[in-house]
């Protein structure tokens, strides 16, 4: 997955050793998933799968493949893990999926509140809200706005990693950046990637999805949002 993950945790009634154990388990899960799904590790299951060297995928790989197939259907093909050069690449989904799995360890440990930030893709335990600033893709040191998050938010874009997003229908990628908020980080991650690819077409699709709102910034710096997207100007 190749990203930095940070935690913000209110341990509540947990003793320090219980809190340390929960964080260790969450971090161990992230490391194990990175070992399995990294595209940069020659012995990861994903690398071997793409090379045709895995006969039977693991249960976790099967789960990710199924999630990617579902994401393809939900986005009308604008999220396509099979469209990138080199074969199946679930990177646009697996980061949010891994963060949610890490958050699950903290929830099961009984913390009062927690936030997991995986390279800007954020999931939180329900019951608290957090204010998240969204960086503007073209204006230095500026934000598109501040979003109140009570479950999940994901941002996808071209401004840090360059042209790593591919249009599955051989068209031009519509946006420089996109952000989606909703009740599932996996779906926020998927929809943000699809919104970068499809722009207005995916924004229209997003309008019909209950529990999700979002916006994108096009190559001219203009912003377009779903009708119920709420954010404050910085």
Protein backbone atom coordinates (compact mmCIF):
# COMPACT_ATOMS: atom_id res chain seq x y z
CA UNK A 1 0.00 0.00 0.00
CA UNK A 2 3.02 2.23 0.53
CA UNK A 3 1.53 4.96 2.72
CA UNK A 4 1.87 6.40 6.22
CA UNK A 5 -0.86 5.52 8.71
CA UNK A 6 -1.49 7.47 11.91
CA UNK A 7 -3.88 6.98 14.82
CA UNK A 8 -5.75 9.38 17.09
CA UNK A 9 -7.20 7.44 20.02
CA UNK A 10 -9.10 8.21 23.20
CA UNK A 11 -8.53 5.04 25.26
CA UNK A 12 -11.36 5.76 27.67
CA UNK A 13 -11.40 3.03 30.34
CA UNK A 14 -8.49 1.05 28.87
CA UNK A 15 -5.30 0.69 30.87
CA UNK A 16 -2.10 1.74 29.11
CA UNK A 17 -1.01 -1.85 28.49
CA UNK A 18 -4.42 -2.69 26.98
CA UNK A 19 -4.19 0.38 24.76
CA UNK A 20 -0.67 -0.54 23.68
CA UNK A 21 -1.79 -4.08 22.85
CA UNK A 22 -4.71 -2.83 20.75
CA UNK A 23 -2.46 -0.46 18.80
CA UNK A 24 0.11 -3.21 18.30
CA UNK A 25 -2.59 -5.51 16.88
CA UNK A 26 -3.89 -2.77 14.58
CA UNK A 27 -0.37 -2.01 13.33
CA UNK A 28 0.40 -5.72 12.88
CA UNK A 29 -2.72 -6.05 10.73
CA UNK A 30 -1.63 -3.13 8.55
CA UNK A 31 1.87 -4.57 8.11
CA UNK A 32 0.49 -8.01 7.22
CA UNK A 33 -1.89 -6.52 4.66
CA UNK A 34 0.91 -4.44 3.19
CA UNK A 35 3.04 -7.58 2.89
CA UNK A 36 0.17 -9.28 1.07
CA UNK A 37 -1.04 -6.48 -1.21
CA UNK A 38 2.06 -4.43 -1.94
CA UNK A 39 2.90 -3.91 -5.61
CA UNK A 40 6.50 -3.09 -4.69
CA UNK A 41 7.34 -6.28 -2.80
CA UNK A 42 8.38 -9.08 -5.16
CA UNK A 43 7.10 -11.81 -2.84
CA UNK A 44 3.71 -10.30 -1.97
CA UNK A 45 0.66 -12.34 -2.87
CA UNK A 46 -0.52 -9.56 -5.17
CA UNK A 47 2.79 -9.44 -7.08
CA UNK A 48 2.80 -13.21 -7.46
CA UNK A 49 -0.88 -13.23 -8.44
CA UNK A 50 -0.28 -10.67 -11.18
CA UNK A 51 2.60 -12.79 -12.45
CA UNK A 52 0.38 -15.88 -12.62
CA UNK A 53 2.32 -17.64 -9.87
CA UNK A 54 -0.57 -18.13 -7.43
CA UNK A 55 -2.90 -21.03 -8.17
CA UNK A 56 -5.39 -20.46 -5.36
CA UNK A 57 -5.79 -16.95 -3.91
CA UNK A 58 -6.07 -16.52 -0.16
CA UNK A 59 -9.40 -15.72 1.47
CA UNK A 60 -8.27 -12.11 1.86
CA UNK A 61 -7.35 -11.87 -1.82
CA UNK A 62 -10.73 -13.35 -2.73
CA UNK A 63 -12.41 -10.74 -0.54
CA UNK A 64 -10.54 -7.88 -2.22
CA UNK A 65 -11.28 -9.23 -5.71
CA UNK A 66 -14.97 -9.44 -4.82
CA UNK A 67 -14.95 -5.91 -3.40
CA UNK A 68 -13.26 -4.60 -6.55
CA UNK A 69 -15.85 -6.32 -8.73
CA UNK A 70 -18.61 -4.73 -6.66
CA UNK A 71 -16.91 -1.34 -6.92
CA UNK A 72 -16.79 -1.70 -10.70
CA UNK A 73 -20.55 -2.29 -10.75
CA UNK A 74 -21.40 0.56 -8.35
CA UNK A 75 -19.32 3.10 -10.29
CA UNK A 76 -20.47 2.03 -13.72
CA UNK A 77 -16.95 0.88 -14.55
CA UNK A 78 -15.22 4.16 -13.65
CA UNK A 79 -13.41 2.29 -10.88
CA UNK A 80 -11.74 -0.64 -12.61
CA UNK A 81 -9.00 -2.51 -10.75
CA UNK A 82 -8.26 -4.44 -13.93
CA UNK A 83 -7.69 -1.38 -16.16
CA UNK A 84 -4.17 -0.38 -15.08
CA UNK A 85 -1.10 -1.63 -16.94
CA UNK A 86 0.38 -4.77 -15.43
CA UNK A 87 -2.87 -6.40 -14.42
CA UNK A 88 -5.12 -6.40 -11.37
CA UNK A 89 -4.35 -3.44 -9.08
CA UNK A 90 -6.67 -2.96 -6.07
CA UNK A 91 -4.63 -0.09 -4.60
CA UNK A 92 -7.54 2.34 -4.97
CA UNK A 93 -9.63 0.16 -2.66
CA UNK A 94 -7.31 -1.78 -0.41
CA UNK A 95 -5.92 1.22 1.49
CA UNK A 96 -9.32 2.20 2.86
CA UNK A 97 -10.21 -1.45 3.46
CA UNK A 98 -7.03 -1.95 5.49
CA UNK A 99 -7.63 1.20 7.53
CA UNK A 100 -11.13 0.02 8.43
CA UNK A 101 -9.77 -3.35 9.50
CA UNK A 102 -7.22 -1.59 11.73
CA UNK A 103 -9.98 0.56 13.22
CA UNK A 104 -11.88 -2.62 14.01
CA UNK A 105 -9.12 -3.75 16.38
CA UNK A 106 -9.46 -0.52 18.35
CA UNK A 107 -13.24 -0.80 18.43
CA UNK A 108 -13.10 -4.37 19.73
CA UNK A 109 -10.61 -3.32 22.40
CA UNK A 110 -13.23 -0.91 23.78
CA UNK A 111 -11.68 2.52 23.19
CA UNK A 112 -13.93 5.55 23.61
CA UNK A 113 -12.94 7.10 20.31
CA UNK A 114 -10.52 6.55 17.46
CA UNK A 115 -9.48 7.89 14.08
CA UNK A 116 -7.26 6.12 11.54
CA UNK A 117 -5.62 8.25 8.86
CA UNK A 118 -4.16 6.25 5.96
CA UNK A 119 -2.45 8.79 3.74
CA UNK A 120 -5.38 11.21 3.99
CA UNK A 121 -8.11 8.57 3.83
CA UNK A 122 -9.77 8.67 7.24
CA UNK A 123 -12.19 6.45 9.14
CA UNK A 124 -13.48 7.10 12.66
CA UNK A 125 -15.45 5.26 15.29
CA UNK A 126 -19.07 6.47 15.28
CA UNK A 127 -20.09 8.78 18.08
CA UNK A 128 -17.63 11.62 17.51
CA UNK A 129 -17.02 14.12 14.77
CA UNK A 130 -13.75 15.50 13.43
CA UNK A 131 -13.01 18.52 11.27
CA UNK A 132 -10.89 17.58 8.25
CA UNK A 133 -9.32 20.15 5.94
CA UNK A 134 -9.14 19.26 2.23
CA UNK A 135 -6.07 20.53 0.42
CA UNK A 136 -6.67 22.50 -2.78
CA UNK A 137 -4.92 20.78 -5.71
CA UNK A 138 -3.84 23.96 -7.52
CA UNK A 139 -3.53 26.71 -4.89
CA UNK A 140 -0.51 26.42 -2.62
CA UNK A 141 -1.25 26.43 1.13
CA UNK A 142 -5.00 26.66 0.46
CA UNK A 143 -7.91 24.34 1.20
CA UNK A 144 -11.06 23.53 -0.71
CA UNK A 145 -12.84 23.58 2.60
CA UNK A 146 -13.23 21.92 5.97
CA UNK A 147 -15.48 18.86 6.19
CA UNK A 148 -17.13 17.45 9.30
CA UNK A 149 -16.50 13.70 9.39
CA UNK A 150 -18.38 11.25 11.60
CA UNK A 151 -17.54 8.06 9.73
CA UNK A 152 -15.22 8.21 6.70
CA UNK A 153 -13.64 10.51 4.13
CA UNK A 154 -11.32 9.80 1.21
CA UNK A 155 -9.49 12.03 -1.26
CA UNK A 156 -7.98 10.95 -4.56
CA UNK A 157 -6.01 13.06 -6.99
CA UNK A 158 -3.15 13.64 -9.38
CA UNK A 159 -1.34 16.43 -7.56
CA UNK A 160 1.04 14.28 -5.47
CA UNK A 161 1.67 11.04 -7.36
CA UNK A 162 1.11 12.38 -10.87
CA UNK A 163 -0.83 10.50 -13.55
CA UNK A 164 -1.27 7.21 -11.69
CA UNK A 165 -5.02 7.04 -12.36
CA UNK A 166 -6.12 5.54 -15.66
CA UNK A 167 -9.43 6.17 -17.43
CA UNK A 168 -10.86 2.68 -18.07
CA UNK A 169 -12.65 3.86 -21.21
CA UNK A 170 -9.50 5.39 -22.75
CA UNK A 171 -10.71 8.94 -22.17
CA UNK A 172 -9.07 11.85 -20.36
CA UNK A 173 -9.10 11.85 -16.57
CA UNK A 174 -11.67 14.51 -15.66
CA UNK A 175 -10.40 15.97 -12.40
CA UNK A 176 -7.29 16.92 -10.49
CA UNK A 177 -8.73 15.81 -7.17
CA UNK A 178 -11.93 14.50 -5.61
CA UNK A 179 -13.21 13.92 -2.10
CA UNK A 180 -16.06 11.71 -0.89
CA UNK A 181 -17.56 11.47 2.59
CA UNK A 182 -19.82 8.65 3.71
CA UNK A 183 -20.43 5.67 5.92
CA UNK A 184 -17.75 3.35 4.50
CA UNK A 185 -14.11 4.23 3.85
CA UNK A 186 -13.84 1.44 1.28
CA UNK A 187 -16.62 3.01 -0.76
CA UNK A 188 -15.40 6.57 -0.16
CA UNK A 189 -11.99 5.49 -1.49
CA UNK A 190 -13.54 3.82 -4.54
CA UNK A 191 -15.91 6.69 -5.29
CA UNK A 192 -13.20 9.34 -4.92
CA UNK A 193 -11.05 7.52 -7.47
CA UNK A 194 -14.02 7.13 -9.81
CA UNK A 195 -14.88 10.82 -9.38
CA UNK A 196 -11.37 11.83 -10.46
CA UNK A 197 -11.76 9.65 -13.54
CA UNK A 198 -15.34 10.45 -14.54
CA UNK A 199 -15.99 13.91 -13.11
CA UNK A 200 -19.56 15.04 -13.77
CA UNK A 201 -20.71 11.58 -14.89
CA UNK A 202 -19.73 10.06 -11.55
CA UNK A 203 -20.97 13.11 -9.63
CA UNK A 204 -24.43 12.44 -11.10
CA UNK A 205 -24.12 8.80 -10.03
CA UNK A 206 -23.04 9.90 -6.55
CA UNK A 207 -26.20 11.99 -6.19
CA UNK A 208 -28.21 8.76 -6.24
CA UNK A 209 -26.14 6.92 -3.61
CA UNK A 210 -27.58 7.19 -0.11
CA UNK A 211 -25.04 8.00 2.57
CA UNK A 212 -22.37 9.53 0.31
CA UNK A 213 -21.56 13.06 -0.83
CA UNK A 214 -18.56 14.47 -2.63
CA UNK A 215 -16.92 17.06 -4.84
CA UNK A 216 -14.18 17.31 -7.43
CA UNK A 217 -11.85 20.01 -8.73
CA UNK A 218 -11.35 20.02 -12.49
CA UNK A 219 -8.19 20.88 -14.41
CA UNK A 220 -9.18 24.53 -14.52
CA UNK A 221 -9.49 24.74 -10.74
CA UNK A 222 -13.31 24.85 -10.67
CA UNK A 223 -15.15 22.88 -7.99
CA UNK A 224 -18.30 20.79 -8.52
CA UNK A 225 -20.18 19.13 -5.65
CA UNK A 226 -23.21 16.98 -4.94
CA UNK A 227 -26.24 18.97 -3.86
CA UNK A 228 -26.04 17.92 -0.19
CA UNK A 229 -22.25 18.19 0.17
CA UNK A 230 -21.52 20.34 3.21
CA UNK A 231 -18.23 22.07 3.89
CA UNK A 232 -17.08 25.44 5.14
CA UNK A 233 -14.67 27.71 3.32
CA UNK A 234 -11.21 27.88 4.90
